[in-house]
């Protein structure tokens, strides 16, 4: 099995200099900017902090080429605009001079946002769990109004199977015995979890709702940020990454969250059984994400040793352990799944 060539591919970013960025933003919004052009952390996109001559902070995001179609990016923007229209605390994209929220430079799409600072929490108190439940309940109520046109559907058969195929077809697992083990284990996992998703309602959701994507601004409510991974998926996806431990260790937090959530939107408690399957799906999603970077740029810089035999041995062991947890998980919820 061949290893992907470590060379520039179509998905790699072209060079973006400060002068180019500032000129694009000034033309897109019809404003003048100061000389500030500070790159912000982003593993996938290129994101820069700017400032107008009036001192207003801006953020410009250049989307990684070939990751999302224009329609898929517009899905994200439309969802944010709908949420903002309902006064739900998100950071919506700014309309550019042509009335659109997406600009284009060469093969790059870009968007602009007001800069909004804030702090994130590592854990929530009881009142905050209620508030987060209300916030996500409102978001999901809007997300259920209509489907996204061109976003990933987060189910084992629609997203995870595609990601597994991409990993295997890319050749990034160069060790044939490990590739065979990974393939067999992945198929076993899909067979185990796919029936659990049958009949589960799907809607537009954040998709990557962890603590770093929820910020608090003094005197205001929590804000949801970074909808880059928005998907059509089960609402439980936007809860489980916030839990302080395993589901059975987090029953109080789940109960508080649902109390707030159901003020605005119905929650199917049977979907709690999807937490451990979704955790396994995130493992595979993350591997596919790294593989995309490796294929595009010849590196996955945030994971030293990516694609080595040791890396795959560790990932296989983690997936085997997760499969065991999935098989034991349902009994941990008691009567909650029957409500």
Protein backbone atom coordinates (compact mmCIF):
# COMPACT_ATOMS: atom_id res chain seq x y z
CA UNK A 1 0.00 0.00 0.00
CA UNK A 2 1.49 3.32 -1.06
CA UNK A 3 2.06 6.27 1.23
CA UNK A 4 0.55 9.58 0.00
CA UNK A 5 3.04 11.87 -1.67
CA UNK A 6 4.22 14.65 0.62
CA UNK A 7 3.77 17.48 -1.86
CA UNK A 8 1.48 20.42 -2.41
CA UNK A 9 -2.02 19.32 -3.42
CA UNK A 10 -5.13 21.21 -4.55
CA UNK A 11 -6.41 21.34 -0.95
CA UNK A 12 -3.38 23.26 0.28
CA UNK A 13 -3.55 27.00 0.98
CA UNK A 14 -1.99 29.53 -1.39
CA UNK A 15 0.11 32.27 0.16
CA UNK A 16 -1.84 35.09 1.80
CA UNK A 17 0.08 38.26 2.62
CA UNK A 18 -1.18 41.11 4.83
CA UNK A 19 -1.52 43.50 1.89
CA UNK A 20 -3.67 41.03 -0.04
CA UNK A 21 -5.86 40.35 3.00
CA UNK A 22 -6.37 44.03 3.84
CA UNK A 23 -7.17 44.96 0.25
CA UNK A 24 -9.73 42.14 -0.03
CA UNK A 25 -11.49 43.15 3.18
CA UNK A 26 -11.55 46.85 2.35
CA UNK A 27 -13.02 46.14 -1.09
CA UNK A 28 -15.55 43.61 0.26
CA UNK A 29 -16.95 45.93 2.94
CA UNK A 30 -16.18 49.31 1.43
CA UNK A 31 -14.20 50.43 4.46
CA UNK A 32 -10.66 51.40 5.39
CA UNK A 33 -8.58 49.27 7.75
CA UNK A 34 -5.60 49.97 9.95
CA UNK A 35 -2.38 48.03 9.40
CA UNK A 36 -3.34 45.38 11.96
CA UNK A 37 -3.36 41.89 10.41
CA UNK A 38 -2.81 39.27 13.09
CA UNK A 39 -3.17 35.57 12.31
CA UNK A 40 -5.31 33.63 14.79
CA UNK A 41 -5.13 29.94 15.65
CA UNK A 42 -7.02 27.68 13.27
CA UNK A 43 -6.04 24.17 12.26
CA UNK A 44 -8.19 24.00 9.13
CA UNK A 45 -8.82 27.53 7.85
CA UNK A 46 -6.79 30.72 7.82
CA UNK A 47 -8.19 33.32 10.20
CA UNK A 48 -6.96 36.88 10.77
CA UNK A 49 -7.83 39.68 13.18
CA UNK A 50 -8.17 43.13 11.58
CA UNK A 51 -9.31 46.56 12.68
CA UNK A 52 -11.06 49.42 10.89
CA UNK A 53 -9.73 52.96 11.10
CA UNK A 54 -12.63 53.63 13.49
CA UNK A 55 -11.27 50.99 15.86
CA UNK A 56 -13.89 48.32 15.16
CA UNK A 57 -12.49 44.80 15.37
CA UNK A 58 -13.02 42.40 12.48
CA UNK A 59 -12.18 38.77 11.79
CA UNK A 60 -11.72 37.39 8.29
CA UNK A 61 -11.86 33.65 7.68
CA UNK A 62 -10.42 32.03 4.54
CA UNK A 63 -11.82 28.53 4.11
CA UNK A 64 -9.55 25.65 3.22
CA UNK A 65 -9.80 24.94 -0.52
CA UNK A 66 -11.76 21.85 -1.57
CA UNK A 67 -13.10 21.19 1.93
CA UNK A 68 -16.59 22.64 1.51
CA UNK A 69 -18.58 23.55 -1.56
CA UNK A 70 -19.99 27.05 -1.88
CA UNK A 71 -23.45 25.64 -1.13
CA UNK A 72 -22.19 23.95 2.03
CA UNK A 73 -20.56 27.17 3.23
CA UNK A 74 -23.79 29.02 2.51
CA UNK A 75 -25.63 26.43 4.63
CA UNK A 76 -23.48 27.48 7.58
CA UNK A 77 -24.04 31.17 6.94
CA UNK A 78 -27.79 30.79 6.44
CA UNK A 79 -28.09 28.91 9.73
CA UNK A 80 -26.12 31.61 11.56
CA UNK A 81 -28.25 34.36 10.02
CA UNK A 82 -31.45 32.54 10.99
CA UNK A 83 -30.19 32.13 14.56
CA UNK A 84 -29.14 35.77 14.74
CA UNK A 85 -32.55 36.83 13.42
CA UNK A 86 -34.11 35.01 16.41
CA UNK A 87 -31.70 36.88 18.73
CA UNK A 88 -29.89 33.68 19.62
CA UNK A 89 -26.31 34.58 20.69
CA UNK A 90 -24.07 33.58 17.79
CA UNK A 91 -21.57 35.52 15.68
CA UNK A 92 -23.23 35.90 12.28
CA UNK A 93 -21.27 36.67 9.08
CA UNK A 94 -21.33 40.23 7.80
CA UNK A 95 -23.02 41.15 4.53
CA UNK A 96 -20.49 42.35 1.97
CA UNK A 97 -21.05 45.17 -0.53
CA UNK A 98 -22.65 42.80 -3.02
CA UNK A 99 -25.17 41.64 -0.42
CA UNK A 100 -23.54 38.23 -0.02
CA UNK A 101 -21.74 36.78 3.00
CA UNK A 102 -19.18 34.85 0.96
CA UNK A 103 -16.38 36.49 -0.98
CA UNK A 104 -13.89 34.77 -3.26
CA UNK A 105 -10.18 35.22 -3.95
CA UNK A 106 -8.64 32.82 -6.48
CA UNK A 107 -9.75 29.38 -5.23
CA UNK A 108 -10.53 30.63 -1.71
CA UNK A 109 -13.88 31.58 -0.25
CA UNK A 110 -13.78 34.01 2.65
CA UNK A 111 -16.18 35.60 5.12
CA UNK A 112 -16.09 38.44 7.62
CA UNK A 113 -17.30 38.71 11.21
CA UNK A 114 -17.33 41.26 13.98
CA UNK A 115 -14.63 40.49 16.55
CA UNK A 116 -16.28 39.34 19.78
CA UNK A 117 -14.07 38.48 22.72
CA UNK A 118 -15.04 36.37 25.69
CA UNK A 119 -13.87 33.59 27.95
CA UNK A 120 -14.61 29.90 27.93
CA UNK A 121 -15.46 27.71 30.90
CA UNK A 122 -13.98 24.32 31.71
CA UNK A 123 -17.14 23.26 33.55
CA UNK A 124 -20.60 24.64 34.28
CA UNK A 125 -22.48 25.13 37.53
CA UNK A 126 -26.12 24.07 37.83
CA UNK A 127 -27.57 27.37 36.59
CA UNK A 128 -25.19 27.36 33.64
CA UNK A 129 -26.25 23.85 32.68
CA UNK A 130 -29.83 25.10 32.54
CA UNK A 131 -28.71 28.09 30.43
CA UNK A 132 -26.75 25.91 28.02
CA UNK A 133 -29.78 23.65 27.69
CA UNK A 134 -31.99 26.63 26.81
CA UNK A 135 -29.41 27.97 24.35
CA UNK A 136 -29.05 24.69 22.47
CA UNK A 137 -32.79 24.03 22.62
CA UNK A 138 -33.40 27.35 20.86
CA UNK A 139 -30.68 26.59 18.29
CA UNK A 140 -32.05 23.16 17.52
CA UNK A 141 -35.61 24.49 17.24
CA UNK A 142 -34.38 26.79 14.45
CA UNK A 143 -32.26 23.98 13.00
CA UNK A 144 -35.32 21.75 12.71
CA UNK A 145 -37.24 24.23 10.52
CA UNK A 146 -35.62 22.98 7.30
CA UNK A 147 -32.64 20.78 6.36
CA UNK A 148 -29.27 21.94 5.14
CA UNK A 149 -28.78 21.65 1.39
CA UNK A 150 -25.23 20.36 1.20
CA UNK A 151 -23.95 19.49 4.66
CA UNK A 152 -22.72 16.15 5.99
CA UNK A 153 -25.41 13.93 7.52
CA UNK A 154 -23.96 12.59 10.76
CA UNK A 155 -24.94 8.93 10.84
CA UNK A 156 -22.74 5.83 10.72
CA UNK A 157 -23.88 4.88 7.23
CA UNK A 158 -23.69 8.35 5.71
CA UNK A 159 -20.72 10.10 7.30
CA UNK A 160 -18.63 7.52 9.14
CA UNK A 161 -18.62 4.90 6.40
CA UNK A 162 -17.44 7.57 3.93
CA UNK A 163 -14.69 8.67 6.33
CA UNK A 164 -13.49 5.10 6.84
CA UNK A 165 -13.34 4.56 3.07
CA UNK A 166 -11.40 7.79 2.63
CA UNK A 167 -8.84 6.79 5.27
CA UNK A 168 -8.30 3.37 3.73
CA UNK A 169 -8.32 4.55 0.10
CA UNK A 170 -5.84 7.37 0.83
CA UNK A 171 -3.07 4.88 1.55
CA UNK A 172 -2.19 6.67 4.78
CA UNK A 173 -2.08 3.30 6.60
CA UNK A 174 0.98 1.96 4.81
CA UNK A 175 1.28 -1.16 6.99
CA UNK A 176 -0.89 -3.82 5.33
CA UNK A 177 -1.59 -5.80 8.51
CA UNK A 178 -2.70 -2.66 10.38
CA UNK A 179 -4.83 -1.52 7.45
CA UNK A 180 -6.60 -4.89 7.45
CA UNK A 181 -7.18 -4.74 11.22
CA UNK A 182 -8.42 -1.14 11.03
CA UNK A 183 -10.80 -2.04 8.18
CA UNK A 184 -12.21 -5.10 9.96
CA UNK A 185 -12.65 -3.28 13.27
CA UNK A 186 -14.31 -0.30 11.60
CA UNK A 187 -16.81 -2.51 9.81
CA UNK A 188 -17.59 -4.30 13.08
CA UNK A 189 -18.18 -0.95 14.74
CA UNK A 190 -20.51 0.21 11.95
CA UNK A 191 -22.53 -3.00 12.20
CA UNK A 192 -22.89 -2.47 15.95
CA UNK A 193 -23.98 1.18 15.96
CA UNK A 194 -25.89 1.68 12.70
CA UNK A 195 -29.17 0.15 13.98
CA UNK A 196 -29.17 2.58 16.92
CA UNK A 197 -29.59 5.54 14.56
CA UNK A 198 -32.67 4.20 12.79
CA UNK A 199 -35.58 6.60 13.19
CA UNK A 200 -33.55 9.21 15.10
CA UNK A 201 -34.65 12.78 14.16
CA UNK A 202 -31.91 14.80 12.49
CA UNK A 203 -31.62 18.57 12.17
CA UNK A 204 -29.10 21.32 11.64
CA UNK A 205 -26.83 21.35 14.68
CA UNK A 206 -23.52 22.95 15.68
CA UNK A 207 -21.72 19.62 15.31
CA UNK A 208 -18.56 20.49 17.28
CA UNK A 209 -20.02 21.80 20.53
CA UNK A 210 -17.23 21.65 23.11
CA UNK A 211 -16.13 24.14 25.78
CA UNK A 212 -13.82 26.12 23.49
CA UNK A 213 -16.76 26.87 21.18
CA UNK A 214 -18.91 28.37 23.94
CA UNK A 215 -17.78 31.74 25.25
CA UNK A 216 -19.08 33.97 28.02
CA UNK A 217 -19.21 37.73 27.72
CA UNK A 218 -19.69 39.74 30.97
CA UNK A 219 -23.21 41.08 31.24
CA UNK A 220 -24.40 38.86 28.39
CA UNK A 221 -25.27 35.23 27.88
CA UNK A 222 -23.17 32.37 26.55
CA UNK A 223 -22.33 32.65 22.84
CA UNK A 224 -21.96 29.74 20.44
CA UNK A 225 -19.05 30.24 18.05
CA UNK A 226 -17.35 28.39 15.17
CA UNK A 227 -20.07 26.63 13.18
CA UNK A 228 -17.47 25.36 10.72
CA UNK A 229 -18.45 21.73 11.43
CA UNK A 230 -22.21 22.28 11.25
CA UNK A 231 -23.97 19.09 10.18
CA UNK A 232 -27.34 17.46 9.83
CA UNK A 233 -27.24 15.29 12.92
CA UNK A 234 -28.91 14.09 16.14
CA UNK A 235 -29.26 16.83 18.80
CA UNK A 236 -27.41 14.71 21.37
CA UNK A 237 -24.19 15.42 19.41
CA UNK A 238 -24.23 18.98 20.79
CA UNK A 239 -24.39 17.75 24.40
CA UNK A 240 -22.08 14.81 24.95
CA UNK A 241 -18.75 16.60 24.52
CA UNK A 242 -19.73 19.02 27.32
CA UNK A 243 -20.35 16.28 29.89
CA UNK A 244 -17.82 16.05 32.76
CA UNK A 245 -17.48 12.28 32.52
CA UNK A 246 -19.15 9.20 31.13
CA UNK A 247 -22.94 9.32 30.78
CA UNK A 248 -23.46 7.33 33.96
CA UNK A 249 -21.20 9.79 35.81
CA UNK A 250 -23.11 12.79 34.41
CA UNK A 251 -26.76 12.06 35.13
CA UNK A 252 -27.25 15.29 37.11
CA UNK A 253 -25.78 17.41 34.32
CA UNK A 254 -27.89 15.61 31.71
CA UNK A 255 -31.03 16.17 33.78
CA UNK A 256 -30.31 19.90 34.20
CA UNK A 257 -29.47 20.30 30.51
CA UNK A 258 -32.71 18.61 29.45
CA UNK A 259 -34.76 20.75 31.83
CA UNK A 260 -33.46 23.87 30.09
CA UNK A 261 -33.52 22.36 26.59
CA UNK A 262 -37.13 21.20 26.67
CA UNK A 263 -38.29 24.72 27.50
CA UNK A 264 -37.85 25.37 23.77
CA UNK A 265 -37.54 22.06 21.93
CA UNK A 266 -38.48 18.43 22.43
CA UNK A 267 -35.62 16.05 23.19
CA UNK A 268 -35.89 12.32 22.44
CA UNK A 269 -34.31 10.79 25.53
CA UNK A 270 -33.83 7.50 23.73
CA UNK A 271 -31.05 9.25 21.80
CA UNK A 272 -28.91 9.20 24.97
CA UNK A 273 -27.86 5.72 23.84
CA UNK A 274 -26.02 7.40 20.96
CA UNK A 275 -23.41 9.07 23.18
CA UNK A 276 -20.85 6.27 23.06
CA UNK A 277 -21.46 5.53 19.35
CA UNK A 278 -20.97 9.23 18.61
CA UNK A 279 -17.74 9.20 20.61
CA UNK A 280 -16.48 6.36 18.39
CA UNK A 281 -17.61 8.26 15.29
CA UNK A 282 -15.66 11.29 16.48
CA UNK A 283 -12.51 9.16 16.79
CA UNK A 284 -12.90 8.20 13.14
CA UNK A 285 -13.89 11.72 12.09
CA UNK A 286 -10.70 13.05 13.69
CA UNK A 287 -8.53 10.47 11.92
CA UNK A 288 -10.18 11.39 8.60
CA UNK A 289 -9.62 15.10 9.37
CA UNK A 290 -5.91 14.47 9.94
CA UNK A 291 -5.76 12.36 6.79
CA UNK A 292 -7.25 15.21 4.74
CA UNK A 293 -4.48 17.50 6.02
CA UNK A 294 -1.82 14.89 5.33
CA UNK A 295 -3.04 14.35 1.77
CA UNK A 296 -3.39 18.10 1.11
CA UNK A 297 -0.24 19.41 2.80
CA UNK A 298 1.96 16.36 3.32
CA UNK A 299 1.70 16.69 7.11
CA UNK A 300 -0.65 16.52 10.08
CA UNK A 301 1.36 18.86 12.29
CA UNK A 302 -0.72 18.72 15.47
CA UNK A 303 -0.15 14.96 15.89
CA UNK A 304 3.51 13.97 15.96
CA UNK A 305 4.06 10.56 14.42
CA UNK A 306 0.80 10.57 12.47
CA UNK A 307 0.61 7.62 10.03
CA UNK A 308 3.37 5.70 11.84
CA UNK A 309 2.81 2.10 12.94
CA UNK A 310 2.71 3.24 16.56
CA UNK A 311 0.00 5.79 15.76
CA UNK A 312 -2.24 3.18 14.11
CA UNK A 313 -1.66 0.65 16.88
CA UNK A 314 -2.84 3.22 19.42
CA UNK A 315 -5.90 4.21 17.37
CA UNK A 316 -6.89 0.57 16.86
CA UNK A 317 -6.60 -0.10 20.59
CA UNK A 318 -8.75 2.96 21.37
CA UNK A 319 -11.44 1.86 18.91
CA UNK A 320 -11.44 -1.66 20.38
CA UNK A 321 -11.91 -0.19 23.85
CA UNK A 322 -14.69 2.08 22.62
CA UNK A 323 -16.51 -0.82 21.02
CA UNK A 324 -16.54 -2.55 24.42
CA UNK A 325 -17.95 0.59 26.04
CA UNK A 326 -20.70 0.78 23.42
CA UNK A 327 -21.75 -2.78 24.14
CA UNK A 328 -22.04 -2.04 27.87
CA UNK A 329 -23.50 1.48 27.67
CA UNK A 330 -27.27 1.16 27.31
CA UNK A 331 -27.93 -0.35 30.75
CA UNK A 332 -26.28 2.68 32.44
CA UNK A 333 -29.28 4.96 31.78
CA UNK A 334 -31.86 2.94 33.65
CA UNK A 335 -35.40 4.11 32.81
CA UNK A 336 -34.29 7.31 31.05
CA UNK A 337 -34.27 5.60 27.63
CA UNK A 338 -37.90 4.54 28.04
CA UNK A 339 -39.32 8.02 28.67
